[in-house]
Protein backbone atom coordinates (compact mmCIF):
# COMPACT_ATOMS: atom_id res chain seq x y z
CA MET A 1 85.42 -225.13 -137.69
CA ASN A 2 85.50 -222.28 -135.20
CA PHE A 3 83.80 -223.92 -131.74
CA GLN A 4 84.59 -220.47 -129.78
CA LEU A 5 82.11 -218.15 -128.47
CA THR A 6 82.39 -214.84 -129.94
CA LYS A 7 83.10 -212.00 -127.35
CA GLU A 8 79.08 -210.97 -127.48
CA GLN A 9 78.00 -214.15 -127.02
CA GLN A 10 80.19 -214.81 -124.11
CA MET A 11 79.08 -211.24 -122.54
CA ILE A 12 75.37 -212.38 -123.12
CA ARG A 13 75.63 -215.67 -121.51
CA ASP A 14 77.51 -214.35 -118.49
CA THR A 15 75.15 -211.79 -118.02
CA VAL A 16 72.44 -214.06 -118.08
CA ARG A 17 74.37 -216.92 -115.66
CA ASP A 18 74.85 -213.52 -113.08
CA PHE A 19 71.29 -212.91 -113.11
CA ALA A 20 69.92 -216.38 -112.82
CA GLU A 21 72.39 -217.15 -110.09
CA VAL A 22 71.35 -213.92 -107.91
CA GLU A 23 67.70 -213.89 -109.07
CA ILE A 24 66.42 -217.14 -110.14
CA ALA A 25 68.06 -220.05 -108.57
CA PRO A 26 67.69 -218.85 -104.82
CA LYS A 27 63.75 -218.64 -105.71
CA ALA A 28 63.48 -221.96 -107.40
CA GLU A 29 62.66 -223.90 -104.60
CA GLU A 30 59.57 -221.76 -103.68
CA ILE A 31 58.87 -221.44 -107.16
CA ASP A 32 58.45 -224.97 -107.51
CA ARG A 33 56.54 -225.66 -104.36
CA SER A 34 53.76 -222.77 -104.47
CA ALA A 35 53.56 -223.60 -108.48
CA ARG A 36 53.85 -219.61 -108.66
CA PHE A 37 54.74 -217.82 -111.61
CA PRO A 38 57.40 -215.34 -110.88
CA GLU A 39 56.50 -212.60 -112.43
CA GLU A 40 58.82 -210.27 -110.89
CA ILE A 41 61.88 -212.31 -112.22
CA PHE A 42 60.44 -211.90 -115.94
CA LYS A 43 60.14 -207.97 -115.46
CA LYS A 44 63.74 -207.85 -114.35
CA MET A 45 64.68 -209.88 -117.32
CA GLY A 46 62.90 -207.48 -119.66
CA SER A 47 64.66 -204.46 -118.06
CA LEU A 48 68.03 -206.28 -118.90
CA GLY A 49 67.26 -207.04 -122.36
CA ILE A 50 66.95 -211.05 -121.98
CA MET A 51 63.25 -211.11 -123.24
CA GLY A 52 64.55 -210.22 -126.74
CA ILE A 53 67.84 -211.50 -127.18
CA PRO A 54 67.32 -212.46 -130.83
CA VAL A 55 64.76 -209.57 -131.97
CA ALA A 56 65.98 -206.97 -134.06
CA GLU A 57 66.64 -203.92 -132.18
CA THR A 58 64.20 -201.73 -134.37
CA TYR A 59 61.58 -204.02 -132.52
CA GLY A 60 62.64 -203.57 -128.95
CA GLY A 61 65.20 -206.76 -128.96
CA ALA A 62 69.01 -207.30 -128.80
CA GLY A 63 69.47 -208.34 -132.18
CA ALA A 64 71.63 -211.17 -131.31
CA ASP A 65 71.94 -214.33 -132.99
CA THR A 66 70.24 -217.97 -131.86
CA ILE A 67 73.28 -219.46 -130.28
CA SER A 68 73.29 -216.38 -127.91
CA TYR A 69 69.51 -217.08 -127.44
CA ALA A 70 70.26 -220.81 -126.86
CA LEU A 71 72.98 -219.64 -124.04
CA ALA A 72 70.48 -217.75 -122.57
CA VAL A 73 68.03 -220.30 -122.04
CA GLU A 74 70.38 -222.74 -121.10
CA GLU A 75 71.69 -220.40 -117.94
CA VAL A 76 68.01 -220.13 -117.10
CA GLY A 77 67.27 -223.32 -117.23
CA LYS A 78 70.30 -224.27 -115.24
CA ALA A 79 68.65 -222.20 -112.35
CA CYS A 80 65.06 -223.00 -112.67
CA GLY A 81 63.48 -225.19 -115.42
CA GLY A 82 59.92 -223.49 -115.04
CA THR A 83 61.26 -220.08 -115.49
CA GLY A 84 63.20 -221.26 -118.35
CA LEU A 85 60.11 -222.95 -120.27
CA SER A 86 58.00 -219.90 -119.81
CA TYR A 87 61.02 -217.99 -121.02
CA ALA A 88 61.75 -220.17 -124.22
CA ALA A 89 57.97 -220.26 -124.79
CA SER A 90 57.95 -216.33 -124.98
CA VAL A 91 60.49 -215.86 -127.09
CA SER A 92 60.25 -218.97 -129.74
CA LEU A 93 57.08 -219.77 -129.87
CA GLY A 94 55.44 -216.10 -129.22
CA ALA A 95 57.89 -213.92 -130.80
CA GLY A 96 59.31 -215.86 -133.03
CA PRO A 97 56.11 -216.26 -135.46
CA LEU A 98 55.45 -212.78 -135.13
CA ASP A 99 58.90 -211.92 -135.94
CA SER A 100 59.33 -214.30 -139.44
CA PHE A 101 55.78 -213.57 -140.34
CA GLY A 102 54.01 -210.73 -139.08
CA SER A 103 53.48 -207.31 -140.72
CA GLU A 104 54.77 -203.99 -139.59
CA GLY A 105 51.92 -203.05 -137.69
CA GLN A 106 51.66 -206.41 -136.06
CA LYS A 107 55.21 -206.09 -135.35
CA GLN A 108 55.19 -202.51 -133.59
CA GLU A 109 51.66 -203.69 -131.80
CA TYR A 110 52.37 -207.57 -130.40
CA LEU A 111 56.37 -207.94 -130.89
CA VAL A 112 57.82 -205.33 -129.27
CA PRO A 113 55.82 -205.76 -126.08
CA ILE A 114 57.22 -209.45 -126.12
CA ALA A 115 60.99 -208.34 -126.94
CA LYS A 116 60.96 -205.50 -123.71
CA GLY A 117 59.48 -207.75 -121.57
CA ASP A 118 56.10 -205.82 -121.09
CA ALA A 119 54.15 -208.87 -121.87
CA LEU A 120 54.61 -212.48 -122.61
CA GLY A 121 54.59 -214.36 -125.67
CA ALA A 122 52.17 -217.41 -126.27
CA PHE A 123 51.01 -219.49 -129.13
CA GLY A 124 47.95 -221.88 -129.14
CA LEU A 125 48.51 -224.77 -131.35
CA THR A 126 47.72 -228.13 -129.51
CA GLU A 127 44.17 -229.15 -128.71
CA PRO A 128 42.44 -232.03 -126.65
CA ASN A 129 42.60 -233.98 -129.52
CA ALA A 130 45.02 -232.33 -131.75
CA GLY A 131 48.48 -233.10 -129.77
CA SER A 132 51.26 -234.98 -131.86
CA ASP A 133 48.57 -234.58 -134.86
CA ALA A 134 48.63 -231.07 -134.59
CA GLY A 135 47.19 -230.92 -138.25
CA GLY A 136 44.37 -232.61 -136.52
CA THR A 137 43.28 -228.80 -135.46
CA LYS A 138 39.37 -228.51 -134.41
CA THR A 139 39.19 -224.98 -133.99
CA THR A 140 37.67 -223.24 -136.59
CA ALA A 141 38.10 -219.78 -138.10
CA GLU A 142 34.95 -218.65 -140.07
CA LYS A 143 35.28 -215.85 -142.03
CA LYS A 144 32.52 -213.26 -142.18
CA GLU A 145 33.28 -210.03 -144.27
CA SER A 146 35.86 -208.39 -143.09
CA ARG A 147 36.40 -210.28 -139.77
CA TYR A 148 36.85 -213.88 -138.24
CA VAL A 149 34.72 -215.62 -135.97
CA ILE A 150 37.05 -218.15 -133.97
CA ASN A 151 35.56 -220.88 -132.06
CA GLY A 152 37.26 -223.76 -130.35
CA GLU A 153 39.82 -225.10 -127.48
CA LYS A 154 43.59 -225.31 -126.96
CA CYS A 155 45.34 -226.92 -123.93
CA TRP A 156 48.49 -227.03 -122.30
CA ILE A 157 49.55 -223.48 -123.42
CA THR A 158 52.33 -221.96 -121.90
CA ASN A 159 52.16 -218.03 -120.85
CA ALA A 160 48.69 -217.17 -121.78
CA SER A 161 47.55 -215.38 -118.69
CA TYR A 162 50.50 -213.20 -118.85
CA ALA A 163 50.44 -212.73 -122.76
CA LYS A 164 49.00 -209.56 -124.50
CA ALA A 165 47.69 -211.41 -127.33
CA VAL A 166 47.91 -215.18 -128.25
CA ILE A 167 48.61 -216.77 -131.37
CA ILE A 168 45.99 -219.15 -132.47
CA THR A 169 45.95 -221.60 -135.14
CA ALA A 170 42.67 -222.64 -136.73
CA VAL A 171 40.91 -224.31 -139.91
CA SER A 172 39.92 -221.35 -142.23
CA GLY A 173 38.69 -223.38 -145.29
CA LYS A 174 39.26 -226.31 -147.12
CA LYS A 175 41.87 -226.86 -150.36
CA GLU A 176 40.63 -228.10 -153.80
CA ASN A 177 41.73 -231.88 -152.39
CA GLY A 178 39.56 -231.74 -149.45
CA LYS A 179 42.45 -230.99 -146.62
CA ASN A 180 41.76 -228.40 -144.47
CA ILE A 181 43.42 -224.90 -144.90
CA VAL A 182 45.20 -224.04 -141.39
CA SER A 183 45.68 -220.21 -140.66
CA ALA A 184 47.38 -218.40 -137.73
CA PHE A 185 45.73 -215.80 -136.25
CA ILE A 186 46.39 -212.79 -133.28
CA VAL A 187 43.76 -212.94 -130.99
CA PRO A 188 43.95 -210.13 -127.87
CA LYS A 189 43.31 -211.47 -124.61
CA GLY A 190 40.52 -209.01 -124.09
CA ALA A 191 38.50 -210.07 -127.03
CA GLN A 192 34.89 -211.15 -126.02
CA GLY A 193 34.28 -214.74 -125.59
CA PHE A 194 38.03 -215.46 -125.09
CA GLN A 195 38.51 -217.04 -121.91
CA VAL A 196 41.80 -218.26 -120.50
CA THR A 197 41.01 -220.95 -117.35
CA THR A 198 42.82 -221.70 -114.34
CA PRO A 199 46.64 -222.84 -114.49
CA TYR A 200 47.23 -226.81 -114.67
CA GLU A 201 48.42 -228.69 -111.58
CA LYS A 202 51.51 -230.07 -113.13
CA MET A 203 54.18 -232.67 -112.18
CA GLY A 204 57.15 -230.61 -112.81
CA VAL A 205 58.02 -226.91 -114.42
CA ARG A 206 55.70 -226.24 -111.67
CA GLY A 207 56.60 -221.97 -112.23
CA SER A 208 55.79 -221.96 -115.92
CA ASN A 209 52.09 -220.85 -116.57
CA THR A 210 50.03 -223.29 -118.51
CA THR A 211 46.28 -223.20 -119.26
CA GLU A 212 43.63 -223.75 -121.55
CA LEU A 213 42.30 -221.39 -123.99
CA VAL A 214 38.45 -221.74 -125.06
CA LEU A 215 36.95 -219.36 -127.70
CA THR A 216 33.82 -218.91 -128.21
CA ASP A 217 32.38 -216.79 -131.07
CA VAL A 218 35.59 -214.60 -130.81
CA GLU A 219 35.79 -211.88 -133.57
CA ILE A 220 38.69 -210.52 -134.90
CA PRO A 221 39.51 -208.17 -138.08
CA GLU A 222 41.40 -209.72 -140.87
CA GLU A 223 44.47 -207.41 -140.30
CA ASN A 224 45.13 -210.10 -137.25
CA VAL A 225 45.86 -212.49 -139.87
CA LEU A 226 49.56 -213.95 -139.03
CA GLY A 227 51.55 -214.05 -142.44
CA ASP A 228 49.60 -216.05 -145.39
CA PRO A 229 46.21 -217.50 -144.91
CA GLU A 230 46.59 -220.40 -146.52
CA LYS A 231 50.16 -221.03 -145.28
CA GLY A 232 49.50 -221.49 -141.60
CA PHE A 233 50.42 -225.02 -141.02
CA GLY A 234 53.90 -224.37 -142.70
CA GLN A 235 54.46 -221.38 -140.48
CA PHE A 236 53.54 -223.45 -137.02
CA LEU A 237 55.70 -226.12 -138.48
CA HIS A 238 58.54 -223.31 -139.07
CA THR A 239 58.19 -222.14 -135.59
CA LEU A 240 58.38 -225.36 -134.40
CA ASP A 241 61.57 -226.52 -135.77
CA GLY A 242 63.19 -222.86 -133.80
CA GLY A 243 61.30 -224.18 -130.50
CA ARG A 244 63.10 -227.53 -130.43
CA ILE A 245 66.29 -225.50 -130.48
CA SER A 246 65.30 -223.65 -127.12
CA ILE A 247 63.77 -226.79 -125.56
CA GLY A 248 66.97 -228.56 -126.46
CA ALA A 249 68.99 -225.94 -124.64
CA LEU A 250 66.53 -226.07 -121.68
CA ALA A 251 67.10 -229.70 -121.02
CA LEU A 252 70.93 -229.01 -121.60
CA GLY A 253 70.62 -226.10 -118.56
CA ILE A 254 68.66 -228.53 -116.45
CA ALA A 255 71.08 -231.26 -116.99
CA GLU A 256 74.34 -229.01 -116.39
CA GLY A 257 72.50 -227.71 -113.20
CA ALA A 258 71.71 -231.67 -111.88
CA TYR A 259 75.57 -232.60 -112.92
CA GLN A 260 77.19 -229.81 -111.09
CA LYS A 261 75.22 -230.50 -107.87
CA ALA A 262 76.12 -234.44 -108.42
CA LEU A 263 79.93 -233.54 -108.92
CA ALA A 264 79.97 -230.86 -105.80
CA TYR A 265 78.32 -233.72 -103.59
CA SER A 266 80.55 -236.28 -104.52
CA LYS A 267 83.43 -234.52 -103.38
CA GLU A 268 81.71 -233.83 -99.97
CA ARG A 269 79.91 -236.99 -99.45
CA LYS A 270 82.05 -239.70 -97.28
CA GLN A 271 81.55 -243.21 -97.02
CA PHE A 272 83.32 -246.14 -95.97
CA GLY A 273 86.16 -243.76 -95.14
CA HIS A 274 86.47 -242.25 -98.78
CA LYS A 275 85.07 -239.14 -100.64
CA ILE A 276 82.60 -241.13 -103.12
CA SER A 277 83.97 -239.24 -106.06
CA GLU A 278 86.93 -241.73 -105.24
CA PHE A 279 84.82 -244.96 -106.28
CA GLN A 280 84.91 -245.70 -110.04
CA ALA A 281 80.95 -246.45 -109.87
CA ILE A 282 80.91 -242.96 -109.25
CA GLN A 283 83.61 -241.32 -111.65
CA PHE A 284 82.16 -243.28 -114.49
CA LYS A 285 78.44 -241.88 -114.11
CA LEU A 286 80.10 -238.77 -113.78
CA ALA A 287 82.29 -238.84 -116.84
CA ASP A 288 79.22 -240.06 -118.99
CA MET A 289 77.08 -237.55 -117.42
CA ALA A 290 79.63 -234.71 -118.50
CA MET A 291 80.58 -236.67 -122.13
CA GLU A 292 76.92 -236.35 -122.69
CA ILE A 293 76.02 -232.68 -121.91
CA ASP A 294 78.62 -231.85 -123.99
CA LEU A 295 77.61 -233.46 -126.89
CA ALA A 296 73.86 -232.31 -126.84
CA ARG A 297 75.73 -228.65 -126.33
CA THR A 298 77.33 -228.95 -129.64
CA MET A 299 74.21 -230.23 -131.30
CA VAL A 300 72.61 -227.54 -130.06
CA HIS A 301 74.70 -225.28 -130.83
CA LYS A 302 75.01 -226.68 -134.95
CA ALA A 303 71.47 -226.29 -135.09
CA ALA A 304 71.44 -222.64 -133.88
CA TRP A 305 73.94 -221.80 -136.03
CA LEU A 306 72.65 -223.59 -139.34
CA LYS A 307 69.56 -221.23 -138.43
CA ASP A 308 71.18 -218.03 -138.06
CA GLN A 309 72.98 -218.71 -141.60
CA LYS A 310 69.35 -219.24 -143.12
CA LYS A 311 70.37 -222.83 -144.03
CA ALA A 312 68.26 -225.81 -143.74
CA PHE A 313 68.42 -226.92 -139.96
CA LYS A 314 64.68 -229.18 -139.42
CA LYS A 315 66.73 -232.23 -138.69
CA GLU A 316 69.34 -230.80 -136.82
CA ALA A 317 66.62 -229.32 -134.60
CA ALA A 318 65.09 -232.51 -134.51
CA PHE A 319 68.61 -234.62 -133.12
CA ALA A 320 69.07 -231.33 -130.92
CA LYS A 321 65.77 -231.62 -129.20
CA LEU A 322 65.50 -235.44 -129.19
CA PHE A 323 69.02 -236.26 -127.67
CA ALA A 324 69.35 -233.14 -125.25
CA SER A 325 65.49 -234.15 -124.12
CA GLU A 326 66.43 -238.18 -123.20
CA MET A 327 70.27 -236.99 -122.27
CA ALA A 328 68.42 -234.51 -119.52
CA THR A 329 66.70 -237.32 -117.81
CA ARG A 330 69.45 -239.86 -117.84
CA VAL A 331 71.52 -237.00 -116.11
CA CYS A 332 69.41 -236.16 -113.73
CA ASN A 333 68.51 -239.46 -112.55
CA GLN A 334 71.93 -240.43 -112.29
CA ALA A 335 72.44 -236.99 -110.53
CA LEU A 336 69.60 -238.13 -107.54
CA GLN A 337 71.26 -241.64 -107.80
CA ILE A 338 74.73 -240.49 -106.75
CA HIS A 339 73.22 -238.09 -103.64
CA GLY A 340 71.37 -241.51 -102.69
CA GLY A 341 68.33 -240.61 -100.20
CA SER A 342 69.33 -237.01 -99.90
CA GLY A 343 68.51 -236.60 -103.58
CA TYR A 344 64.82 -237.51 -102.81
CA MET A 345 64.44 -235.09 -100.70
CA ARG A 346 62.92 -231.63 -101.91
CA GLU A 347 65.76 -229.32 -100.22
CA PHE A 348 68.55 -230.88 -102.61
CA GLY A 349 67.06 -229.68 -105.50
CA ILE A 350 67.69 -232.86 -107.54
CA GLU A 351 64.29 -234.14 -107.58
CA ARG A 352 62.82 -231.34 -109.05
CA MET A 353 65.08 -231.15 -111.57
CA LEU A 354 64.07 -234.73 -112.68
CA ARG A 355 60.53 -233.84 -112.59
CA ASP A 356 61.06 -230.23 -114.70
CA THR A 357 63.06 -232.42 -117.53
CA LYS A 358 60.28 -235.14 -118.35
CA LEU A 359 58.27 -232.29 -120.33
CA MET A 360 61.09 -231.89 -122.42
CA GLU A 361 60.67 -235.28 -123.77
CA ILE A 362 56.89 -234.39 -124.61
CA GLY A 363 56.99 -230.43 -125.29
CA GLU A 364 57.67 -229.15 -128.58
CA GLY A 365 56.95 -232.63 -130.43
CA THR A 366 57.53 -236.03 -128.31
CA SER A 367 60.61 -238.09 -128.67
CA GLU A 368 58.65 -240.11 -131.26
CA ILE A 369 57.98 -237.27 -133.28
CA GLN A 370 61.38 -236.06 -133.59
CA ARG A 371 62.13 -239.35 -134.74
CA MET A 372 59.79 -239.41 -137.40
CA VAL A 373 60.90 -235.90 -138.45
CA ILE A 374 64.46 -237.33 -138.57
CA SER A 375 63.38 -240.32 -140.50
CA ARG A 376 61.54 -238.15 -143.01
CA GLU A 377 64.53 -236.08 -143.09
CA ILE A 378 67.10 -238.75 -144.20
CA GLY A 379 64.73 -240.39 -146.61
CA CYS A 380 62.68 -242.60 -145.50
CA PRO A 381 59.15 -243.26 -147.00
């Protein structure tokens, strides 16, 4: 068992780390305060090849593995949680299903721009009444000759304002047993009747673009069906499994950033004539933080490795997402505690990290859903 990163993985990590420290971290506070999507950052990430790390070179990507991509997400998330979320969503939820299930024509038309950073990827799954129960989607796609007519609403969709097209899930028919057939469709942004609303006002990850989608008699050609029209449900479950690795990596990055700030602060702050890092109460907090971060990193990398090896990784992805997200909330909370009153102030950046990391326990399947997935994977009825 070799835990050593390859030279390529180290190079990608270092490249993204250097970029994030120079281009993202200095803007993180302003991005959060103004809730501004940093379009200029993503254009630079595209020019560096960061937006298509796990996508094949044939389609404009770097052709790297999932571990390399997870390392990149971690470094971006360490600098800015909101930027990290939009990055992870573009690659995992936007490019991922196109890469896995798209036709050659669909890949050339929609995957290449995402991998090159010319557009962001977006995935429309969640609805007002279909959150954790994603199979309860109410959006419909009615086939009329060689076209589909889509009607419905999607909510909390990341990157839609900056996407060339959005992958939408919709009910397209009924099975013999009466259950819905869910299909996936590529809906171009310019399609008549397709509306992307004003971005939501969020508690955290405020620099990420999150909107509602309204589809009113949106017509798309039959060739815009993604993959097998009768296997859309399985396709989005596969997409979410991969996405959970990236959310675990993002949570890991936010936690690492908070931990590094807390460790540095503890070595500078003096109380009772001593640096607070000399007090056992603070040392134990930092020790626990370091331990949990390392455990989460191992989980994320194992899930990524399994995916790269074409092995089953559903359970491990749920492990990684669940543990890393809850760990990140604990670490950010303790980092704020170590900072005391200063941590409660915007200028130190800790309160932003705590707000950002809470979404990691909700998006891409809540902590409760992860526990359900794990329970089924270990054989519970």
